Amino acid sequence: ELRTLNLSNNEFAEIHSNVSDLIMLEI
């Protein structure tokens, strides 16, 4: 149900392909 997700200013080298499951994301 996530509409807004802020992951900025961290240490991610990659984002898992399962991010595609967050189908309600707007931002």
PDB file of all heavy atoms in Angstrom:
ATOM      1  N   GLU A   1       0.824  -1.214   0.000  1.00  0.00           N
ATOM      2  CA  GLU A   1       0.000   0.000   0.000  1.00  0.00           C
ATOM      3  C   GLU A   1       0.861   1.268   0.000  1.00  0.00           C
ATOM      4  O   GLU A   1       0.337   2.372   0.024  1.00  0.00           O
ATOM      5  CB  GLU A   1      -0.927   0.016   1.222  1.00  0.00           C
ATOM      6  CG  GLU A   1      -2.025  -1.035   1.186  1.00  0.00           C
ATOM      7  CD  GLU A   1      -2.953  -0.838  -0.006  1.00  0.00           C
ATOM      8  OE1 GLU A   1      -3.309   0.321  -0.306  1.00  0.00           O
ATOM      9  OE2 GLU A   1      -3.314  -1.843  -0.638  1.00  0.00           O
ATOM     10  N   LEU A   2       2.177   1.099  -0.023  1.00  0.00           N
ATOM     11  CA  LEU A   2       3.076   2.253   0.004  1.00  0.00           C
ATOM     12  C   LEU A   2       2.845   3.165  -1.202  1.00  0.00           C
ATOM     13  O   LEU A   2       2.833   2.706  -2.349  1.00  0.00           O
ATOM     14  CB  LEU A   2       4.531   1.801   0.010  1.00  0.00           C
ATOM     15  CG  LEU A   2       5.195   1.516   1.359  1.00  0.00           C
ATOM     16  CD1 LEU A   2       6.648   1.118   1.143  1.00  0.00           C
ATOM     17  CD2 LEU A   2       5.106   2.699   2.289  1.00  0.00           C
ATOM     18  N   ARG A   3       2.676   4.450  -0.909  1.00  0.00           N
ATOM     19  CA  ARG A   3       2.586   5.459  -1.964  1.00  0.00           C
ATOM     20  C   ARG A   3       3.880   6.267  -2.064  1.00  0.00           C
ATOM     21  O   ARG A   3       4.278   6.657  -3.155  1.00  0.00           O
ATOM     22  CB  ARG A   3       1.436   6.432  -1.667  1.00  0.00           C
ATOM     23  CG  ARG A   3       0.128   6.108  -2.355  1.00  0.00           C
ATOM     24  CD  ARG A   3      -0.524   4.863  -1.832  1.00  0.00           C
ATOM     25  NE  ARG A   3      -1.902   4.748  -2.320  1.00  0.00           N
ATOM     26  CZ  ARG A   3      -2.696   3.748  -2.021  1.00  0.00           C
ATOM     27  NH1 ARG A   3      -2.262   2.753  -1.251  1.00  0.00           N
ATOM     28  NH2 ARG A   3      -3.932   3.693  -2.491  1.00  0.00           N
ATOM     29  N   THR A   4       4.511   6.510  -0.908  1.00  0.00           N
ATOM     30  CA  THR A   4       5.734   7.321  -0.862  1.00  0.00           C
ATOM     31  C   THR A   4       6.817   6.554  -0.117  1.00  0.00           C
ATOM     32  O   THR A   4       6.610   6.127   1.019  1.00  0.00           O
ATOM     33  CB  THR A   4       5.475   8.667  -0.146  1.00  0.00           C
ATOM     34  OG1 THR A   4       4.465   9.392  -0.842  1.00  0.00           O
ATOM     35  CG2 THR A   4       6.747   9.495  -0.102  1.00  0.00           C
ATOM     36  N   LEU A   5       7.981   6.389  -0.749  1.00  0.00           N
ATOM     37  CA  LEU A   5       9.098   5.670  -0.139  1.00  0.00           C
ATOM     38  C   LEU A   5      10.376   6.463  -0.358  1.00  0.00           C
ATOM     39  O   LEU A   5      10.772   6.744  -1.492  1.00  0.00           O
ATOM     40  CB  LEU A   5       9.236   4.275  -0.757  1.00  0.00           C
ATOM     41  CG  LEU A   5      10.449   3.451  -0.309  1.00  0.00           C
ATOM     42  CD1 LEU A   5      10.444   3.236   1.195  1.00  0.00           C
ATOM     43  CD2 LEU A   5      10.484   2.108  -1.047  1.00  0.00           C
ATOM     44  N   ASN A   6      11.035   6.827   0.755  1.00  0.00           N
ATOM     45  CA  ASN A   6      12.283   7.587   0.690  1.00  0.00           C
ATOM     46  C   ASN A   6      13.421   6.736   1.238  1.00  0.00           C
ATOM     47  O   ASN A   6      13.482   6.466   2.438  1.00  0.00           O
ATOM     48  CB  ASN A   6      12.146   8.888   1.480  1.00  0.00           C
ATOM     49  CG  ASN A   6      13.297   9.844   1.212  1.00  0.00           C
ATOM     50  OD1 ASN A   6      14.376   9.438   0.778  1.00  0.00           O
ATOM     51  ND2 ASN A   6      13.091  11.121   1.488  1.00  0.00           N
ATOM     52  N   LEU A   7      14.323   6.325   0.357  1.00  0.00           N
ATOM     53  CA  LEU A   7      15.488   5.518   0.726  1.00  0.00           C
ATOM     54  C   LEU A   7      16.787   6.304   0.545  1.00  0.00           C
ATOM     55  O   LEU A   7      17.880   5.733   0.566  1.00  0.00           O
ATOM     56  CB  LEU A   7      15.558   4.263  -0.149  1.00  0.00           C
ATOM     57  CG  LEU A   7      14.374   3.310  -0.105  1.00  0.00           C
ATOM     58  CD1 LEU A   7      14.530   2.235  -1.171  1.00  0.00           C
ATOM     59  CD2 LEU A   7      14.231   2.664   1.268  1.00  0.00           C
ATOM     60  N   SER A   8      16.697   7.608   0.376  1.00  0.00           N
ATOM     61  CA  SER A   8      17.866   8.417   0.045  1.00  0.00           C
ATOM     62  C   SER A   8      18.894   8.468   1.170  1.00  0.00           C
ATOM     63  O   SER A   8      18.579   8.227   2.335  1.00  0.00           O
ATOM     64  CB  SER A   8      17.437   9.839  -0.319  1.00  0.00           C
ATOM     65  OG  SER A   8      16.877  10.501   0.800  1.00  0.00           O
ATOM     66  N   ASN A   9      20.132   8.796   0.789  1.00  0.00           N
ATOM     67  CA  ASN A   9      21.224   8.962   1.754  1.00  0.00           C
ATOM     68  C   ASN A   9      21.431   7.737   2.633  1.00  0.00           C
ATOM     69  O   ASN A   9      21.479   7.817   3.852  1.00  0.00           O
ATOM     70  CB  ASN A   9      20.984  10.202   2.616  1.00  0.00           C
ATOM     71  CG  ASN A   9      21.133  11.495   1.849  1.00  0.00           C
ATOM     72  OD1 ASN A   9      22.236  12.002   1.676  1.00  0.00           O
ATOM     73  ND2 ASN A   9      20.012  12.013   1.361  1.00  0.00           N
ATOM     74  N   ASN A  10      21.533   6.584   1.976  1.00  0.00           N
ATOM     75  CA  ASN A  10      21.906   5.348   2.651  1.00  0.00           C
ATOM     76  C   ASN A  10      23.123   4.756   1.942  1.00  0.00           C
ATOM     77  O   ASN A  10      23.876   5.499   1.299  1.00  0.00           O
ATOM     78  CB  ASN A  10      20.722   4.380   2.667  1.00  0.00           C
ATOM     79  CG  ASN A  10      19.760   4.651   3.813  1.00  0.00           C
ATOM     80  OD1 ASN A  10      20.029   4.320   4.967  1.00  0.00           O
ATOM     81  ND2 ASN A  10      18.622   5.269   3.499  1.00  0.00           N
ATOM     82  N   GLU A  11      23.311   3.447   2.024  1.00  0.00           N
ATOM     83  CA  GLU A  11      24.488   2.818   1.426  1.00  0.00           C
ATOM     84  C   GLU A  11      24.099   1.655   0.524  1.00  0.00           C
ATOM     85  O   GLU A  11      24.812   0.655   0.424  1.00  0.00           O
ATOM     86  CB  GLU A  11      25.444   2.366   2.537  1.00  0.00           C
ATOM     87  CG  GLU A  11      25.946   3.528   3.400  1.00  0.00           C
ATOM     88  CD  GLU A  11      26.778   3.090   4.589  1.00  0.00           C
ATOM     89  OE1 GLU A  11      27.099   1.882   4.676  1.00  0.00           O
ATOM     90  OE2 GLU A  11      27.120   3.940   5.433  1.00  0.00           O
ATOM     91  N   PHE A  12      22.975   1.802  -0.177  1.00  0.00           N
ATOM     92  CA  PHE A  12      22.512   0.752  -1.078  1.00  0.00           C
ATOM     93  C   PHE A  12      23.394   0.678  -2.320  1.00  0.00           C
ATOM     94  O   PHE A  12      23.612   1.675  -2.999  1.00  0.00           O
ATOM     95  CB  PHE A  12      21.068   1.015  -1.519  1.00  0.00           C
ATOM     96  CG  PHE A  12      20.052   0.861  -0.415  1.00  0.00           C
ATOM     97  CD1 PHE A  12      19.460   1.971   0.153  1.00  0.00           C
ATOM     98  CD2 PHE A  12      19.697  -0.396   0.035  1.00  0.00           C
ATOM     99  CE1 PHE A  12      18.528   1.843   1.162  1.00  0.00           C
ATOM    100  CE2 PHE A  12      18.760  -0.543   1.047  1.00  0.00           C
ATOM    101  CZ  PHE A  12      18.170   0.576   1.621  1.00  0.00           C
ATOM    102  N   ALA A  13      23.882  -0.519  -2.623  1.00  0.00           N
ATOM    103  CA  ALA A  13      24.615  -0.757  -3.863  1.00  0.00           C
ATOM    104  C   ALA A  13      23.688  -1.334  -4.922  1.00  0.00           C
ATOM    105  O   ALA A  13      23.974  -1.274  -6.122  1.00  0.00           O
ATOM    106  CB  ALA A  13      25.786  -1.701  -3.628  1.00  0.00           C
ATOM    107  N   GLU A  14      22.560  -1.875  -4.476  1.00  0.00           N
ATOM    108  CA  GLU A  14      21.557  -2.405  -5.386  1.00  0.00           C
ATOM    109  C   GLU A  14      20.202  -2.436  -4.699  1.00  0.00           C
ATOM    110  O   GLU A  14      20.116  -2.392  -3.466  1.00  0.00           O
ATOM    111  CB  GLU A  14      21.929  -3.808  -5.874  1.00  0.00           C
ATOM    112  CG  GLU A  14      22.020  -4.833  -4.756  1.00  0.00           C
ATOM    113  CD  GLU A  14      22.365  -6.229  -5.273  1.00  0.00           C
ATOM    114  OE1 GLU A  14      22.537  -6.381  -6.506  1.00  0.00           O
ATOM    115  OE2 GLU A  14      22.443  -7.151  -4.457  1.00  0.00           O
ATOM    116  N   ILE A  15      19.165  -2.480  -5.496  1.00  0.00           N
ATOM    117  CA  ILE A  15      17.802  -2.614  -5.000  1.00  0.00           C
ATOM    118  C   ILE A  15      17.227  -3.902  -5.575  1.00  0.00           C
ATOM    119  O   ILE A  15      17.306  -4.140  -6.785  1.00  0.00           O
ATOM    120  CB  ILE A  15      16.925  -1.411  -5.425  1.00  0.00           C
ATOM    121  CG1 ILE A  15      17.478  -0.120  -4.821  1.00  0.00           C
ATOM    122  CG2 ILE A  15      15.474  -1.614  -4.993  1.00  0.00           C
ATOM    123  CD1 ILE A  15      17.406  -0.038  -3.315  1.00  0.00           C
ATOM    124  N   HIS A  16      16.640  -4.729  -4.711  1.00  0.00           N
ATOM    125  CA  HIS A  16      16.126  -6.031  -5.143  1.00  0.00           C
ATOM    126  C   HIS A  16      15.010  -5.863  -6.169  1.00  0.00           C
ATOM    127  O   HIS A  16      14.224  -4.911  -6.107  1.00  0.00           O
ATOM    128  CB  HIS A  16      15.612  -6.805  -3.922  1.00  0.00           C
ATOM    129  CG  HIS A  16      15.463  -8.272  -4.168  1.00  0.00           C
ATOM    130  ND1 HIS A  16      14.392  -8.812  -4.846  1.00  0.00           N
ATOM    131  CD2 HIS A  16      16.259  -9.317  -3.826  1.00  0.00           C
ATOM    132  CE1 HIS A  16      14.524 -10.125  -4.922  1.00  0.00           C
ATOM    133  NE2 HIS A  16      15.661 -10.459  -4.304  1.00  0.00           N
ATOM    134  N   SER A  17      14.938  -6.780  -7.100  1.00  0.00           N
ATOM    135  CA  SER A  17      13.920  -6.719  -8.148  1.00  0.00           C
ATOM    136  C   SER A  17      12.503  -6.814  -7.594  1.00  0.00           C
ATOM    137  O   SER A  17      11.541  -6.450  -8.281  1.00  0.00           O
ATOM    138  CB  SER A  17      14.152  -7.833  -9.182  1.00  0.00           C
ATOM    139  OG  SER A  17      14.091  -9.105  -8.560  1.00  0.00           O
ATOM    140  N   ASN A  18      12.372  -7.275  -6.348  1.00  0.00           N
ATOM    141  CA  ASN A  18      11.037  -7.357  -5.733  1.00  0.00           C
ATOM    142  C   ASN A  18      10.426  -5.981  -5.488  1.00  0.00           C
ATOM    143  O   ASN A  18       9.270  -5.872  -5.096  1.00  0.00           O
ATOM    144  CB  ASN A  18      11.101  -8.121  -4.410  1.00  0.00           C
ATOM    145  CG  ASN A  18      11.238  -9.619  -4.612  1.00  0.00           C
ATOM    146  OD1 ASN A  18      11.074 -10.109  -5.726  1.00  0.00           O
ATOM    147  ND2 ASN A  18      11.555 -10.344  -3.556  1.00  0.00           N
ATOM    148  N   VAL A  19      11.196  -4.932  -5.730  1.00  0.00           N
ATOM    149  CA  VAL A  19      10.632  -3.586  -5.618  1.00  0.00           C
ATOM    150  C   VAL A  19       9.429  -3.450  -6.554  1.00  0.00           C
ATOM    151  O   VAL A  19       8.544  -2.621  -6.332  1.00  0.00           O
ATOM    152  CB  VAL A  19      11.699  -2.516  -5.921  1.00  0.00           C
ATOM    153  CG1 VAL A  19      12.052  -2.511  -7.393  1.00  0.00           C
ATOM    154  CG2 VAL A  19      11.254  -1.141  -5.460  1.00  0.00           C
ATOM    155  N   SER A  20       9.386  -4.287  -7.577  1.00  0.00           N
ATOM    156  CA  SER A  20       8.259  -4.248  -8.513  1.00  0.00           C
ATOM    157  C   SER A  20       6.947  -4.658  -7.858  1.00  0.00           C
ATOM    158  O   SER A  20       5.872  -4.407  -8.407  1.00  0.00           O
ATOM    159  CB  SER A  20       8.540  -5.168  -9.710  1.00  0.00           C
ATOM    160  OG  SER A  20       8.685  -6.518  -9.288  1.00  0.00           O
ATOM    161  N   ASP A  21       7.021  -5.273  -6.659  1.00  0.00           N
ATOM    162  CA  ASP A  21       5.802  -5.655  -5.934  1.00  0.00           C
ATOM    163  C   ASP A  21       5.119  -4.454  -5.287  1.00  0.00           C
ATOM    164  O   ASP A  21       3.947  -4.532  -4.904  1.00  0.00           O
ATOM    165  CB  ASP A  21       6.125  -6.684  -4.843  1.00  0.00           C
ATOM    166  CG  ASP A  21       6.550  -8.030  -5.416  1.00  0.00           C
ATOM    167  OD1 ASP A  21       6.220  -8.291  -6.590  1.00  0.00           O
ATOM    168  OD2 ASP A  21       7.204  -8.797  -4.691  1.00  0.00           O
ATOM    169  N   LEU A  22       5.833  -3.361  -5.152  1.00  0.00           N
ATOM    170  CA  LEU A  22       5.268  -2.168  -4.502  1.00  0.00           C
ATOM    171  C   LEU A  22       4.468  -1.373  -5.529  1.00  0.00           C
ATOM    172  O   LEU A  22       4.769  -0.226  -5.855  1.00  0.00           O
ATOM    173  CB  LEU A  22       6.387  -1.324  -3.894  1.00  0.00           C
ATOM    174  CG  LEU A  22       7.349  -2.067  -2.948  1.00  0.00           C
ATOM    175  CD1 LEU A  22       8.424  -1.107  -2.436  1.00  0.00           C
ATOM    176  CD2 LEU A  22       6.588  -2.679  -1.775  1.00  0.00           C
ATOM    177  N   ILE A  23       3.418  -1.979  -6.015  1.00  0.00           N
ATOM    178  CA  ILE A  23       2.713  -1.496  -7.207  1.00  0.00           C
ATOM    179  C   ILE A  23       1.950  -0.190  -6.990  1.00  0.00           C
ATOM    180  O   ILE A  23       1.550   0.450  -7.965  1.00  0.00           O
ATOM    181  CB  ILE A  23       1.741  -2.558  -7.734  1.00  0.00           C
ATOM    182  CG1 ILE A  23       0.753  -2.979  -6.633  1.00  0.00           C
ATOM    183  CG2 ILE A  23       2.508  -3.766  -8.255  1.00  0.00           C
ATOM    184  CD1 ILE A  23      -0.326  -3.915  -7.122  1.00  0.00           C
ATOM    185  N   MET A  24       1.752   0.242  -5.747  1.00  0.00           N
ATOM    186  CA  MET A  24       1.017   1.473  -5.489  1.00  0.00           C
ATOM    187  C   MET A  24       1.931   2.691  -5.368  1.00  0.00           C
ATOM    188  O   MET A  24       1.452   3.813  -5.198  1.00  0.00           O
ATOM    189  CB  MET A  24       0.186   1.336  -4.207  1.00  0.00           C
ATOM    190  CG  MET A  24      -0.838   0.216  -4.230  1.00  0.00           C
ATOM    191  SD  MET A  24      -2.034   0.382  -5.565  1.00  0.00           S
ATOM    192  CE  MET A  24      -2.973   1.794  -4.998  1.00  0.00           C
ATOM    193  N   LEU A  25       3.238   2.495  -5.486  1.00  0.00           N
ATOM    194  CA  LEU A  25       4.186   3.596  -5.309  1.00  0.00           C
ATOM    195  C   LEU A  25       3.931   4.732  -6.300  1.00  0.00           C
ATOM    196  O   LEU A  25       3.768   4.507  -7.496  1.00  0.00           O
ATOM    197  CB  LEU A  25       5.621   3.108  -5.477  1.00  0.00           C
ATOM    198  CG  LEU A  25       6.363   2.595  -4.242  1.00  0.00           C
ATOM    199  CD1 LEU A  25       7.798   2.253  -4.602  1.00  0.00           C
ATOM    200  CD2 LEU A  25       6.325   3.600  -3.108  1.00  0.00           C
ATOM    201  N   GLU A  26       3.928   5.948  -5.753  1.00  0.00           N
ATOM    202  CA  GLU A  26       3.788   7.152  -6.569  1.00  0.00           C
ATOM    203  C   GLU A  26       5.052   8.015  -6.508  1.00  0.00           C
ATOM    204  O   GLU A  26       5.367   8.714  -7.466  1.00  0.00           O
ATOM    205  CB  GLU A  26       2.584   7.974  -6.102  1.00  0.00           C
ATOM    206  CG  GLU A  26       1.260   7.239  -6.284  1.00  0.00           C
ATOM    207  CD  GLU A  26       0.087   8.005  -5.713  1.00  0.00           C
ATOM    208  OE1 GLU A  26       0.310   9.087  -5.113  1.00  0.00           O
ATOM    209  OE2 GLU A  26      -1.053   7.533  -5.846  1.00  0.00           O
ATOM    210  N   ILE A  27       5.760   7.953  -5.374  1.00  0.00           N
ATOM    211  CA  ILE A  27       6.987   8.730  -5.191  1.00  0.00           C
ATOM    212  C   ILE A  27       8.074   7.803  -4.641  1.00  0.00           C
ATOM    213  O   ILE A  27       7.886   7.177  -3.600  1.00  0.00           O
ATOM    214  CB  ILE A  27       6.774   9.914  -4.229  1.00  0.00           C
ATOM    215  CG1 ILE A  27       5.717  10.878  -4.777  1.00  0.00           C
ATOM    216  CG2 ILE A  27       8.084  10.653  -3.977  1.00  0.00           C
ATOM    217  CD1 ILE A  27       5.367  12.010  -3.822  1.00  0.00           C
TER     218      ILE A  27
END
